[in-house]
């Protein structure tokens, strides 16, 4: 009987401070109309100065553990997807493990920017399927506001902060695609296009984190292409049509990219989880934030099929087919 990874619980955390487009109009040369037209974003949450990625990750983890009915002693691994860690080292995952008193086991961060959560989910799934862990806490957490150039009107209107988490548990599946769990993951990168979305610095170059630099038009073009490709591959790999998908849970970067992917799947937008209008682009946190919201408000129900997909800096992209 095949071993699979079931999502046992979801959780999330958003900072209290909400930054609206009207607020941004007072900070940079932009308008609400311009931001909404190009991204679909109306507001976003911004962490307080002393609020770190690790702190947000811990709160999201607690929320997921409560939802799953697990205590810290039930967890044997922590994987955090982030591009904005509290420190160069140790990892945010190590901080989460230590602060929550999770038993000794694997704990590390994954850096694939906006695709980070999909990479982390796939990595955790493989550990579980290899029998090296039974329950893994998978978190996407970001404080993107800490690497935004607040004078750059093309990027400061897009990015935001938050954290989302899921707990994966090993289970046996004898029902194939009808059974719960992660059925396939598909990960890619094209490092020759890394300059299209990057930061201006780093530990071994400038000695600081730098700020986000993005060639938006090119990133949009690649996002639409790569998303279409990986979605088609996921369907083909599992020998299903788009009709089998109950919910699309995409990375929340831009409403136009999300709409384009839904159109390729011939899915109505009421079957797509959209939070970009309120959350902005929270990078690796966006998918678990969107997933938790849709689970908690009752849209996503047990037994439904989810298609999760993302693209980010690297360029990286990926997808996962999951029966919740």
Protein backbone atom coordinates (compact mmCIF):
# COMPACT_ATOMS: atom_id res chain seq x y z
CA UNK A 1 0.00 0.00 0.00
CA UNK A 2 1.36 3.41 -0.99
CA UNK A 3 2.41 5.95 1.63
CA UNK A 4 1.09 9.44 1.10
CA UNK A 5 1.24 12.82 2.89
CA UNK A 6 -2.09 14.15 4.14
CA UNK A 7 -2.67 17.78 5.12
CA UNK A 8 -3.95 17.38 8.68
CA UNK A 9 -4.27 21.07 9.56
CA UNK A 10 -3.72 24.57 8.22
CA UNK A 11 -2.88 27.82 9.98
CA UNK A 12 -1.91 31.41 9.26
CA UNK A 13 -0.86 34.73 10.71
CA UNK A 14 -1.16 38.27 9.36
CA UNK A 15 0.28 41.43 10.95
CA UNK A 16 -2.17 43.94 12.39
CA UNK A 17 -1.07 46.91 10.29
CA UNK A 18 -3.00 47.27 7.03
CA UNK A 19 -1.47 49.48 4.33
CA UNK A 20 -4.03 50.60 1.75
CA UNK A 21 -3.51 51.96 -1.73
CA UNK A 22 -4.69 55.32 -0.40
CA UNK A 23 -1.85 55.20 2.13
CA UNK A 24 0.65 54.45 -0.65
CA UNK A 25 -0.62 57.41 -2.68
CA UNK A 26 0.80 59.61 0.10
CA UNK A 27 4.17 57.82 0.05
CA UNK A 28 5.04 57.44 -3.64
CA UNK A 29 3.85 58.68 -7.03
CA UNK A 30 1.06 56.16 -7.62
CA UNK A 31 -2.71 55.82 -7.60
CA UNK A 32 -5.21 53.28 -6.38
CA UNK A 33 -6.45 52.85 -9.96
CA UNK A 34 -2.92 52.13 -11.27
CA UNK A 35 -2.20 49.54 -8.56
CA UNK A 36 -5.54 47.74 -8.88
CA UNK A 37 -5.43 47.70 -12.69
CA UNK A 38 -1.96 46.17 -12.85
CA UNK A 39 -2.02 43.84 -9.84
CA UNK A 40 -5.49 43.57 -8.33
CA UNK A 41 -4.09 44.61 -4.94
CA UNK A 42 -6.17 46.97 -2.79
CA UNK A 43 -4.45 46.56 0.57
CA UNK A 44 -1.75 44.52 2.27
CA UNK A 45 -0.49 43.71 5.79
CA UNK A 46 2.86 45.09 6.95
CA UNK A 47 4.74 43.71 9.94
CA UNK A 48 5.72 45.97 12.82
CA UNK A 49 9.38 46.96 13.08
CA UNK A 50 10.05 44.40 15.83
CA UNK A 51 7.88 41.69 14.23
CA UNK A 52 10.11 39.13 12.52
CA UNK A 53 9.59 36.35 10.00
CA UNK A 54 10.28 33.84 12.77
CA UNK A 55 7.65 35.33 15.05
CA UNK A 56 5.04 35.17 12.29
CA UNK A 57 6.06 31.60 11.40
CA UNK A 58 5.62 30.53 15.03
CA UNK A 59 2.10 31.98 15.20
CA UNK A 60 1.10 30.28 11.94
CA UNK A 61 2.56 27.01 13.24
CA UNK A 62 0.54 27.24 16.46
CA UNK A 63 -2.60 27.85 14.42
CA UNK A 64 -1.95 24.79 12.22
CA UNK A 65 -1.17 22.59 15.23
CA UNK A 66 -4.40 23.65 16.92
CA UNK A 67 -6.37 22.89 13.74
CA UNK A 68 -4.79 19.43 13.46
CA UNK A 69 -5.14 18.69 17.16
CA UNK A 70 -1.41 18.07 17.54
CA UNK A 71 1.04 19.13 20.23
CA UNK A 72 4.72 19.92 19.70
CA UNK A 73 5.68 16.38 20.73
CA UNK A 74 3.74 15.01 17.74
CA UNK A 75 5.95 16.81 15.18
CA UNK A 76 9.23 15.34 13.94
CA UNK A 77 10.26 17.88 11.32
CA UNK A 78 10.06 21.59 10.45
CA UNK A 79 10.62 23.07 6.99
CA UNK A 80 10.26 26.81 6.47
CA UNK A 81 10.11 28.46 3.07
CA UNK A 82 11.40 32.02 3.32
CA UNK A 83 13.56 34.55 1.56
CA UNK A 84 13.56 36.97 4.52
CA UNK A 85 15.02 35.02 7.48
CA UNK A 86 15.53 36.63 10.89
CA UNK A 87 19.27 36.01 10.63
CA UNK A 88 21.70 34.73 8.02
CA UNK A 89 21.89 31.72 10.34
CA UNK A 90 20.51 29.80 12.14
CA UNK A 91 17.42 28.98 10.09
CA UNK A 92 13.92 30.19 10.85
CA UNK A 93 12.97 26.49 11.08
CA UNK A 94 15.44 26.01 13.93
CA UNK A 95 13.90 28.99 15.73
CA UNK A 96 10.39 27.57 15.28
CA UNK A 97 11.54 24.17 16.56
CA UNK A 98 13.26 25.68 19.59
CA UNK A 99 10.53 28.14 20.55
CA UNK A 100 7.74 25.58 20.26
CA UNK A 101 9.76 22.81 21.99
CA UNK A 102 9.39 20.47 19.04
CA UNK A 103 11.51 17.30 19.54
CA UNK A 104 14.89 16.97 17.84
CA UNK A 105 14.46 16.18 14.17
CA UNK A 106 15.00 17.76 10.77
CA UNK A 107 14.70 21.56 10.70
CA UNK A 108 15.82 23.73 7.80
CA UNK A 109 14.81 26.59 5.50
CA UNK A 110 14.15 26.48 1.77
CA UNK A 111 14.77 29.49 -0.46
CA UNK A 112 12.84 29.52 -3.72
CA UNK A 113 11.21 32.93 -3.18
CA UNK A 114 7.54 32.90 -4.27
CA UNK A 115 7.70 29.20 -5.22
CA UNK A 116 9.17 28.42 -1.80
CA UNK A 117 6.08 26.85 -0.27
CA UNK A 118 5.62 24.46 -3.21
CA UNK A 119 9.30 23.47 -2.93
CA UNK A 120 8.91 22.97 0.84
CA UNK A 121 5.73 20.94 0.40
CA UNK A 122 7.42 18.69 -2.15
CA UNK A 123 10.49 18.25 0.07
CA UNK A 124 8.41 17.34 3.12
CA UNK A 125 6.32 14.94 1.03
CA UNK A 126 9.46 13.14 -0.12
CA UNK A 127 10.80 12.80 3.45
CA UNK A 128 7.47 11.28 4.47
CA UNK A 129 7.26 8.92 1.50
CA UNK A 130 10.82 7.74 2.21
CA UNK A 131 9.79 6.92 5.77
CA UNK A 132 12.20 9.46 7.29
CA UNK A 133 9.49 11.48 9.03
CA UNK A 134 5.86 11.00 10.05
CA UNK A 135 4.62 14.53 10.71
CA UNK A 136 6.25 17.63 9.25
CA UNK A 137 5.33 21.24 9.89
CA UNK A 138 5.63 23.10 6.57
CA UNK A 139 5.60 26.90 6.80
CA UNK A 140 5.80 29.77 4.33
CA UNK A 141 6.75 32.99 6.13
CA UNK A 142 7.95 36.35 4.84
CA UNK A 143 8.66 39.89 5.91
CA UNK A 144 8.96 41.24 2.36
CA UNK A 145 8.55 44.80 3.61
CA UNK A 146 12.09 44.53 5.00
CA UNK A 147 13.60 44.19 1.51
CA UNK A 148 11.33 46.60 -0.35
CA UNK A 149 12.63 49.93 -1.66
CA UNK A 150 9.84 52.18 -0.45
CA UNK A 151 10.77 54.77 -3.07
CA UNK A 152 10.34 52.33 -5.94
CA UNK A 153 6.68 52.66 -6.91
CA UNK A 154 6.81 49.60 -9.19
CA UNK A 155 7.62 47.16 -6.37
CA UNK A 156 6.64 48.73 -3.03
CA UNK A 157 2.95 48.52 -3.95
CA UNK A 158 3.14 44.75 -4.49
CA UNK A 159 4.86 43.03 -1.58
CA UNK A 160 3.65 42.35 1.94
CA UNK A 161 4.10 40.24 5.07
CA UNK A 162 2.56 37.18 6.69
CA UNK A 163 2.89 33.46 7.35
CA UNK A 164 0.95 30.31 6.59
CA UNK A 165 1.47 26.71 7.66
CA UNK A 166 0.30 23.15 7.11
CA UNK A 167 1.01 19.91 8.94
CA UNK A 168 1.66 16.87 6.76
CA UNK A 169 1.15 13.39 8.20
CA UNK A 170 2.11 10.01 6.75
CA UNK A 171 -0.83 7.81 5.84
CA UNK A 172 -1.55 4.75 3.71
CA UNK A 173 -3.50 5.23 0.51
CA UNK A 174 -5.14 2.36 -1.35
CA UNK A 175 -7.58 4.54 -3.31
CA UNK A 176 -5.22 6.15 -5.82
CA UNK A 177 -6.31 9.64 -6.88
CA UNK A 178 -9.54 9.21 -4.90
CA UNK A 179 -7.53 9.02 -1.69
CA UNK A 180 -6.40 12.00 0.36
CA UNK A 181 -2.85 13.29 0.12
CA UNK A 182 -0.24 14.82 -2.14
CA UNK A 183 -0.44 12.93 -5.44
CA UNK A 184 2.36 14.67 -7.33
CA UNK A 185 4.71 17.63 -7.18
CA UNK A 186 6.53 19.30 -10.06
CA UNK A 187 9.46 21.67 -9.48
CA UNK A 188 11.51 23.74 -11.93
CA UNK A 189 14.01 26.59 -12.17
CA UNK A 190 15.59 28.65 -14.94
CA UNK A 191 18.64 30.27 -13.41
CA UNK A 192 19.58 32.02 -16.65
CA UNK A 193 16.69 34.43 -16.02
CA UNK A 194 17.55 35.14 -12.37
CA UNK A 195 18.24 38.84 -13.03
CA UNK A 196 14.58 39.46 -13.87
CA UNK A 197 13.64 39.24 -10.19
CA UNK A 198 16.37 39.59 -7.58
CA UNK A 199 17.66 41.70 -4.71
CA UNK A 200 20.41 44.27 -5.01
CA UNK A 201 22.55 42.63 -2.33
CA UNK A 202 23.41 39.63 -0.21
CA UNK A 203 25.69 38.36 2.56
CA UNK A 204 28.67 37.55 0.31
CA UNK A 205 28.34 40.53 -2.05
CA UNK A 206 27.21 43.74 -0.37
CA UNK A 207 26.98 42.47 3.19
CA UNK A 208 23.29 43.39 3.47
CA UNK A 209 20.04 41.91 2.21
CA UNK A 210 19.54 44.52 -0.51
CA UNK A 211 16.17 45.50 -1.97
CA UNK A 212 13.89 43.92 -4.55
CA UNK A 213 14.64 44.64 -8.21
CA UNK A 214 12.09 43.42 -10.74
CA UNK A 215 11.64 43.63 -14.49
CA UNK A 216 7.90 43.34 -14.23
CA UNK A 217 6.91 42.95 -17.87
CA UNK A 218 9.32 40.07 -18.45
CA UNK A 219 8.41 38.37 -15.17
CA UNK A 220 4.73 38.54 -16.15
CA UNK A 221 5.47 36.97 -19.55
CA UNK A 222 7.43 34.06 -18.07
CA UNK A 223 4.89 33.56 -15.28
CA UNK A 224 2.02 33.08 -17.71
CA UNK A 225 4.05 30.64 -19.84
CA UNK A 226 5.55 28.62 -17.00
CA UNK A 227 2.26 28.39 -15.11
CA UNK A 228 0.48 27.05 -18.20
CA UNK A 229 3.25 24.49 -18.77
CA UNK A 230 3.40 23.15 -15.22
CA UNK A 231 -0.39 22.99 -14.89
CA UNK A 232 -0.60 21.00 -18.14
CA UNK A 233 2.19 18.70 -16.96
CA UNK A 234 0.46 18.06 -13.62
CA UNK A 235 -2.81 17.11 -15.30
CA UNK A 236 -1.06 14.89 -17.85
CA UNK A 237 1.10 13.20 -15.20
CA UNK A 238 -1.98 12.22 -13.22
CA UNK A 239 -4.02 11.40 -16.33
CA UNK A 240 -6.84 13.77 -15.43
CA UNK A 241 -8.57 16.73 -17.04
CA UNK A 242 -9.13 20.13 -15.48
CA UNK A 243 -12.67 19.00 -14.65
CA UNK A 244 -11.17 16.90 -11.83
CA UNK A 245 -9.87 20.01 -10.05
CA UNK A 246 -12.19 21.43 -7.41
CA UNK A 247 -10.00 24.38 -6.42
CA UNK A 248 -7.05 26.27 -7.86
CA UNK A 249 -4.88 27.65 -5.05
CA UNK A 250 -2.30 29.84 -6.81
CA UNK A 251 0.52 32.04 -5.62
CA UNK A 252 -0.96 35.48 -5.04
CA UNK A 253 1.26 37.79 -7.07
CA UNK A 254 -0.98 39.39 -9.67
CA UNK A 255 -4.67 38.95 -10.45
CA UNK A 256 -3.97 38.94 -14.20
CA UNK A 257 -1.59 35.97 -13.87
CA UNK A 258 -4.15 34.14 -11.71
CA UNK A 259 -6.93 34.83 -14.24
CA UNK A 260 -4.71 33.65 -17.10
CA UNK A 261 -4.02 30.33 -15.35
CA UNK A 262 -7.73 29.84 -14.57
CA UNK A 263 -8.56 30.50 -18.21
CA UNK A 264 -6.04 27.85 -19.33
CA UNK A 265 -7.78 25.39 -17.01
CA UNK A 266 -11.21 26.55 -18.18
CA UNK A 267 -12.02 27.13 -14.50
CA UNK A 268 -14.50 29.78 -13.33
CA UNK A 269 -12.95 32.33 -10.96
CA UNK A 270 -15.33 31.25 -8.20
CA UNK A 271 -13.28 28.03 -8.04
CA UNK A 272 -10.04 29.97 -7.62
CA UNK A 273 -8.87 31.07 -4.17
CA UNK A 274 -7.97 34.76 -4.44
CA UNK A 275 -6.48 36.78 -1.59
CA UNK A 276 -4.10 39.05 -3.52
CA UNK A 277 -6.56 41.95 -3.26
CA UNK A 278 -6.22 41.95 0.56
CA UNK A 279 -2.88 40.26 1.21
CA UNK A 280 -0.69 41.54 -1.63
CA UNK A 281 2.28 39.39 -2.65
CA UNK A 282 3.54 37.65 0.48
CA UNK A 283 5.95 35.47 -1.52
CA UNK A 284 6.35 32.01 0.06
CA UNK A 285 3.54 32.76 2.53
CA UNK A 286 0.86 33.47 -0.07
CA UNK A 287 -0.29 29.93 -0.89
CA UNK A 288 -0.60 28.66 2.71
CA UNK A 289 -2.31 31.93 3.68
CA UNK A 290 -4.84 31.49 0.86
CA UNK A 291 -5.29 27.80 1.63
CA UNK A 292 -5.94 28.42 5.33
CA UNK A 293 -8.47 31.16 4.59
CA UNK A 294 -10.44 28.94 2.18
CA UNK A 295 -10.36 25.97 4.59
CA UNK A 296 -11.50 28.02 7.56
CA UNK A 297 -14.35 29.78 5.74
CA UNK A 298 -15.63 26.43 4.50
CA UNK A 299 -14.96 26.80 0.79
CA UNK A 300 -12.39 24.00 0.64
CA UNK A 301 -13.79 20.79 2.06
CA UNK A 302 -12.28 17.40 2.88
CA UNK A 303 -12.00 15.15 -0.14
CA UNK A 304 -11.74 17.97 -2.67
CA UNK A 305 -8.93 18.10 -5.24
CA UNK A 306 -6.59 21.10 -5.14
CA UNK A 307 -4.13 22.32 -7.72
CA UNK A 308 -1.44 24.45 -6.10
CA UNK A 309 0.97 26.43 -8.28
CA UNK A 310 3.50 29.26 -8.09
CA UNK A 311 6.30 31.11 -9.83
CA UNK A 312 8.99 33.31 -8.30
CA UNK A 313 12.52 34.61 -8.43
CA UNK A 314 15.18 32.24 -9.68
CA UNK A 315 13.24 31.96 -11.87
CA UNK A 316 11.52 29.10 -10.04
CA UNK A 317 8.11 27.56 -10.59
CA UNK A 318 6.16 24.50 -9.55
CA UNK A 319 2.86 22.81 -8.83
CA UNK A 320 1.30 20.18 -6.59
CA UNK A 321 -1.83 18.08 -6.94
CA UNK A 322 -3.40 17.46 -3.53
CA UNK A 323 -6.64 15.84 -2.40
CA UNK A 324 -7.51 17.66 0.79
